[in-house]
């Protein structure tokens, strides 16, 4: 239960508004392709993060989509600050405590655990091919992927805990009203993975206050800390195989994966303690 979660306003959204649990939109969205998650969130609403007033109707399946009628969530995102990051970390720990109750979902189609993503041989092949096109960017990506794969190989992951993640627990996806959490948005990337995978877009490799806030509520195990960097780097390669394929085939415009490169090269205090600097940096 998110102890600091405020009840949503009883003022409804625009009349007839249809919203979806987990769709990528702002306050009210139109559809979701994740019926299992939507139904589990509904069934566990009394003990998990409530995304809207509990008077909403149960999700309805229509035309291969899952539709929900929700009230518009009130509030606004907080400005970035060290305290906002610590608050976000604490809330993420509380959310994981809630999603840990979601059982029987299995894995969402199209998603795999972080070590499986990094270990995909086709990903390695595509990055090597991309390196011939863009040597600098390709080498940075290949070096970090090799390090992550080696790090995963050293760990015993057979009994590693996994939870249902939010997938994008960034500042702009949390709403606050009167200094209390009033809404959580955008479950578009929600899936089952190692808990530290949710830091990928919350911590982002350098917002260490987020980690500090999380551990105030839920301590990380030694295995969690060992997974932190390789899981973060693995997340940066999600979808890259397809993007590189589009570039090499001419279906997509060539680019240097600037966003991924920037995050791979980050060395905050936490990262620097657990991973070497890129040798050509």
Protein backbone atom coordinates (compact mmCIF):
# COMPACT_ATOMS: atom_id res chain seq x y z
CA UNK A 1 0.00 0.00 0.00
CA UNK A 2 1.34 3.44 -0.86
CA UNK A 3 0.99 5.01 2.54
CA UNK A 4 1.40 8.54 1.22
CA UNK A 5 -1.10 8.09 -1.58
CA UNK A 6 -3.96 10.56 -1.56
CA UNK A 7 -7.46 9.60 -2.65
CA UNK A 8 -8.14 10.85 -6.19
CA UNK A 9 -10.46 13.75 -6.59
CA UNK A 10 -14.12 12.87 -7.02
CA UNK A 11 -14.37 15.39 -9.81
CA UNK A 12 -14.69 13.22 -12.92
CA UNK A 13 -12.92 13.66 -16.22
CA UNK A 14 -14.74 14.94 -19.25
CA UNK A 15 -18.06 13.18 -19.60
CA UNK A 16 -17.71 9.84 -21.32
CA UNK A 17 -13.93 9.81 -21.05
CA UNK A 18 -12.48 6.36 -21.46
CA UNK A 19 -9.14 5.55 -19.95
CA UNK A 20 -6.84 2.57 -19.86
CA UNK A 21 -4.77 1.10 -17.07
CA UNK A 22 -1.22 1.12 -18.36
CA UNK A 23 -1.54 3.07 -21.57
CA UNK A 24 1.01 5.71 -22.51
CA UNK A 25 -0.83 8.96 -22.09
CA UNK A 26 -1.12 11.85 -19.67
CA UNK A 27 -4.15 11.71 -17.37
CA UNK A 28 -6.82 9.98 -19.44
CA UNK A 29 -6.06 7.63 -22.31
CA UNK A 30 -7.96 5.47 -24.69
CA UNK A 31 -6.83 1.88 -24.77
CA UNK A 32 -4.49 -0.77 -23.42
CA UNK A 33 -2.99 -3.91 -24.93
CA UNK A 34 -2.22 -5.31 -21.47
CA UNK A 35 -5.46 -6.93 -20.23
CA UNK A 36 -3.78 -9.25 -17.70
CA UNK A 37 -2.05 -6.36 -15.96
CA UNK A 38 -5.17 -4.22 -16.07
CA UNK A 39 -7.28 -6.94 -14.48
CA UNK A 40 -4.69 -7.76 -11.84
CA UNK A 41 -4.42 -4.10 -10.87
CA UNK A 42 -8.19 -4.00 -10.58
CA UNK A 43 -8.35 -7.17 -8.50
CA UNK A 44 -5.56 -5.96 -6.19
CA UNK A 45 -6.69 -2.34 -6.00
CA UNK A 46 -7.37 -2.52 -2.26
CA UNK A 47 -3.78 -3.51 -1.54
CA UNK A 48 -1.82 -1.81 -4.29
CA UNK A 49 -1.33 1.59 -5.82
CA UNK A 50 -4.75 2.92 -6.72
CA UNK A 51 -4.59 4.60 -10.10
CA UNK A 52 -8.10 6.03 -9.90
CA UNK A 53 -11.14 6.11 -7.63
CA UNK A 54 -12.30 2.65 -6.61
CA UNK A 55 -15.77 3.26 -8.03
CA UNK A 56 -14.50 2.60 -11.58
CA UNK A 57 -15.91 -0.34 -13.45
CA UNK A 58 -13.97 -3.52 -14.05
CA UNK A 59 -11.85 -3.45 -17.26
CA UNK A 60 -13.78 -4.50 -20.36
CA UNK A 61 -12.32 -6.41 -23.32
CA UNK A 62 -13.43 -4.98 -26.67
CA UNK A 63 -11.87 -5.24 -30.13
CA UNK A 64 -8.66 -6.79 -28.80
CA UNK A 65 -8.17 -3.91 -26.37
CA UNK A 66 -8.86 -3.53 -22.66
CA UNK A 67 -10.94 -0.44 -21.84
CA UNK A 68 -11.53 1.18 -18.46
CA UNK A 69 -13.64 4.11 -17.36
CA UNK A 70 -11.52 6.16 -14.97
CA UNK A 71 -11.69 9.49 -13.26
CA UNK A 72 -9.12 12.07 -14.23
CA UNK A 73 -6.22 12.04 -11.78
CA UNK A 74 -5.54 15.40 -10.13
CA UNK A 75 -2.21 16.99 -9.36
CA UNK A 76 1.04 17.93 -11.05
CA UNK A 77 4.61 16.65 -11.20
CA UNK A 78 7.18 18.01 -8.77
CA UNK A 79 10.21 19.99 -9.91
CA UNK A 80 13.46 18.06 -10.02
CA UNK A 81 15.48 18.31 -6.80
CA UNK A 82 17.43 16.00 -4.50
CA UNK A 83 14.43 15.74 -2.18
CA UNK A 84 12.08 14.94 -5.11
CA UNK A 85 14.42 12.13 -6.11
CA UNK A 86 14.52 10.70 -2.58
CA UNK A 87 10.73 10.90 -2.41
CA UNK A 88 10.45 9.12 -5.73
CA UNK A 89 12.78 6.38 -4.51
CA UNK A 90 10.68 5.82 -1.39
CA UNK A 91 7.50 5.65 -3.47
CA UNK A 92 9.05 3.18 -5.88
CA UNK A 93 9.93 0.90 -2.97
CA UNK A 94 6.33 1.10 -1.74
CA UNK A 95 5.04 0.39 -5.23
CA UNK A 96 7.23 -2.71 -5.48
CA UNK A 97 5.86 -3.89 -2.16
CA UNK A 98 2.41 -3.68 -3.76
CA UNK A 99 3.24 -5.21 -7.14
CA UNK A 100 4.97 -8.11 -5.37
CA UNK A 101 1.41 -9.22 -4.57
CA UNK A 102 0.63 -9.61 -8.28
CA UNK A 103 1.07 -13.31 -8.88
CA UNK A 104 0.35 -15.63 -11.76
CA UNK A 105 0.95 -13.06 -14.48
CA UNK A 106 4.03 -14.64 -16.00
CA UNK A 107 6.02 -12.47 -18.38
CA UNK A 108 4.48 -9.87 -20.66
CA UNK A 109 4.80 -10.73 -24.34
CA UNK A 110 7.75 -9.00 -25.98
CA UNK A 111 9.74 -8.59 -22.74
CA UNK A 112 12.51 -10.71 -21.22
CA UNK A 113 14.65 -10.50 -18.10
CA UNK A 114 17.61 -8.13 -18.27
CA UNK A 115 20.25 -10.85 -18.53
CA UNK A 116 18.39 -12.53 -21.39
CA UNK A 117 18.18 -9.22 -23.24
CA UNK A 118 21.91 -8.58 -22.87
CA UNK A 119 22.72 -12.18 -23.79
CA UNK A 120 20.78 -12.15 -27.05
CA UNK A 121 23.34 -13.21 -29.71
CA UNK A 122 21.42 -11.31 -32.39
CA UNK A 123 21.84 -8.11 -30.39
CA UNK A 124 25.61 -8.62 -30.31
CA UNK A 125 25.68 -9.33 -34.05
CA UNK A 126 23.68 -6.21 -34.85
CA UNK A 127 25.93 -3.99 -32.71
CA UNK A 128 29.03 -5.40 -34.42
CA UNK A 129 27.46 -4.61 -37.78
CA UNK A 130 26.57 -1.12 -36.58
CA UNK A 131 30.15 -0.60 -35.38
CA UNK A 132 31.35 -0.91 -38.98
CA UNK A 133 29.01 1.95 -39.88
CA UNK A 134 29.63 4.14 -36.82
CA UNK A 135 32.91 2.96 -35.21
CA UNK A 136 32.93 5.26 -32.17
CA UNK A 137 29.31 4.76 -31.14
CA UNK A 138 29.39 1.07 -32.00
CA UNK A 139 32.48 0.45 -29.90
CA UNK A 140 30.99 2.23 -26.88
CA UNK A 141 27.87 0.10 -27.12
CA UNK A 142 29.77 -3.16 -27.69
CA UNK A 143 32.17 -2.51 -24.80
CA UNK A 144 29.32 -1.85 -22.36
CA UNK A 145 27.31 -4.81 -23.61
CA UNK A 146 30.33 -7.12 -23.20
CA UNK A 147 30.89 -5.86 -19.65
CA UNK A 148 27.22 -6.36 -18.74
CA UNK A 149 27.17 -9.89 -20.15
CA UNK A 150 30.31 -10.78 -18.21
CA UNK A 151 28.80 -9.32 -15.03
CA UNK A 152 25.61 -11.36 -15.45
CA UNK A 153 27.62 -14.53 -16.08
CA UNK A 154 29.38 -14.17 -12.71
CA UNK A 155 26.10 -14.07 -10.77
CA UNK A 156 23.85 -16.89 -9.62
CA UNK A 157 20.46 -15.64 -10.78
CA UNK A 158 18.48 -18.83 -10.30
CA UNK A 159 16.85 -17.56 -7.12
CA UNK A 160 16.99 -13.84 -7.91
CA UNK A 161 13.74 -12.07 -7.02
CA UNK A 162 11.63 -10.55 -9.76
CA UNK A 163 8.65 -8.20 -9.42
CA UNK A 164 6.21 -6.46 -11.71
CA UNK A 165 7.85 -3.15 -12.62
CA UNK A 166 6.29 0.17 -13.43
CA UNK A 167 8.82 0.62 -16.24
CA UNK A 168 9.10 4.41 -16.31
CA UNK A 169 9.03 5.73 -12.75
CA UNK A 170 10.23 9.15 -13.82
CA UNK A 171 9.36 12.46 -12.19
CA UNK A 172 6.84 13.43 -14.87
CA UNK A 173 4.83 10.24 -14.33
CA UNK A 174 4.03 11.04 -10.69
CA UNK A 175 1.29 13.51 -9.75
CA UNK A 176 1.09 15.31 -6.42
CA UNK A 177 -1.65 17.39 -4.84
CA UNK A 178 -1.20 19.21 -1.54
CA UNK A 179 2.21 17.55 -1.11
CA UNK A 180 0.72 14.07 -1.37
CA UNK A 181 0.93 11.56 -4.21
CA UNK A 182 -2.30 11.67 -6.20
CA UNK A 183 -1.52 9.61 -9.29
CA UNK A 184 0.90 7.35 -11.12
CA UNK A 185 0.92 7.52 -14.90
CA UNK A 186 2.22 5.48 -17.84
CA UNK A 187 2.48 1.76 -17.19
CA UNK A 188 3.33 1.27 -20.87
CA UNK A 189 6.59 -0.61 -20.14
CA UNK A 190 5.29 -2.59 -17.16
CA UNK A 191 6.58 -6.18 -17.09
CA UNK A 192 8.28 -8.65 -14.77
CA UNK A 193 12.01 -8.19 -14.19
CA UNK A 194 14.64 -7.86 -11.47
CA UNK A 195 13.52 -5.10 -9.09
CA UNK A 196 16.54 -2.90 -9.87
CA UNK A 197 15.43 -2.76 -13.52
CA UNK A 198 12.89 -0.13 -12.41
CA UNK A 199 15.81 2.17 -11.60
CA UNK A 200 16.72 2.38 -15.29
CA UNK A 201 14.37 5.30 -15.95
CA UNK A 202 14.07 6.46 -12.34
CA UNK A 203 17.72 6.55 -11.24
CA UNK A 204 19.02 6.92 -14.84
CA UNK A 205 22.54 6.09 -13.82
CA UNK A 206 23.26 9.26 -11.86
CA UNK A 207 20.30 10.25 -9.67
CA UNK A 208 21.77 8.52 -6.63
CA UNK A 209 19.29 10.21 -4.28
CA UNK A 210 16.65 7.95 -5.83
CA UNK A 211 18.55 4.89 -4.60
CA UNK A 212 18.99 6.45 -1.18
CA UNK A 213 15.25 7.03 -0.86
CA UNK A 214 14.43 3.50 -1.99
CA UNK A 215 16.73 1.88 0.56
CA UNK A 216 15.11 3.91 3.35
CA UNK A 217 12.00 1.80 2.73
CA UNK A 218 13.33 -1.41 1.21
CA UNK A 219 16.98 -2.41 1.62
CA UNK A 220 18.65 -3.79 -1.49
CA UNK A 221 20.36 -7.15 -1.19
CA UNK A 222 23.98 -7.66 -2.17
CA UNK A 223 22.71 -9.36 -5.33
CA UNK A 224 20.54 -6.32 -6.11
CA UNK A 225 23.60 -4.06 -5.87
CA UNK A 226 25.60 -6.40 -8.10
CA UNK A 227 22.78 -6.37 -10.65
CA UNK A 228 22.29 -2.61 -10.61
CA UNK A 229 24.75 -1.57 -13.33
CA UNK A 230 24.47 -4.53 -15.74
CA UNK A 231 20.68 -4.36 -15.55
CA UNK A 232 20.75 -0.61 -16.20
CA UNK A 233 23.03 -1.03 -19.20
CA UNK A 234 20.93 -3.92 -20.50
CA UNK A 235 17.85 -1.69 -20.36
CA UNK A 236 19.60 0.80 -22.65
CA UNK A 237 19.80 -1.90 -25.31
CA UNK A 238 16.08 -2.73 -25.30
CA UNK A 239 14.79 -2.44 -28.86
CA UNK A 240 18.22 -1.62 -30.26
CA UNK A 241 18.44 -4.75 -32.40
CA UNK A 242 15.35 -3.65 -34.32
CA UNK A 243 16.54 -0.05 -34.63
CA UNK A 244 19.92 -1.12 -35.98
CA UNK A 245 18.22 -3.49 -38.41
CA UNK A 246 16.10 -0.62 -39.72
CA UNK A 247 19.18 1.57 -40.12
CA UNK A 248 21.19 -1.08 -41.96
CA UNK A 249 18.27 -1.98 -44.24
CA UNK A 250 17.48 1.64 -45.05
CA UNK A 251 14.05 1.50 -43.42
CA UNK A 252 15.09 3.99 -40.74
CA UNK A 253 17.27 7.11 -40.73
CA UNK A 254 20.86 6.65 -39.55
CA UNK A 255 21.63 8.03 -36.12
CA UNK A 256 24.18 7.65 -33.37
CA UNK A 257 21.99 6.49 -30.46
CA UNK A 258 22.97 9.66 -28.62
CA UNK A 259 20.56 9.08 -25.72
CA UNK A 260 21.85 5.56 -25.07
CA UNK A 261 25.50 6.62 -25.41
CA UNK A 262 25.04 9.46 -22.95
CA UNK A 263 23.59 7.14 -20.32
CA UNK A 264 26.11 4.35 -20.92
CA UNK A 265 28.97 6.77 -20.26
CA UNK A 266 27.56 8.05 -16.97
CA UNK A 267 29.70 7.32 -13.93
CA UNK A 268 27.93 8.54 -10.82
CA UNK A 269 29.35 7.66 -7.43
CA UNK A 270 27.30 4.45 -7.36
CA UNK A 271 28.27 3.39 -10.89
CA UNK A 272 31.94 4.26 -10.40
CA UNK A 273 32.07 1.93 -7.38
CA UNK A 274 30.75 -1.00 -9.43
CA UNK A 275 31.95 -0.58 -13.01
CA UNK A 276 35.15 0.64 -14.68
CA UNK A 277 35.32 3.79 -16.75
CA UNK A 278 35.01 3.33 -20.48
CA UNK A 279 38.68 3.11 -21.59
CA UNK A 280 38.40 5.66 -24.40
CA UNK A 281 36.41 8.20 -22.37
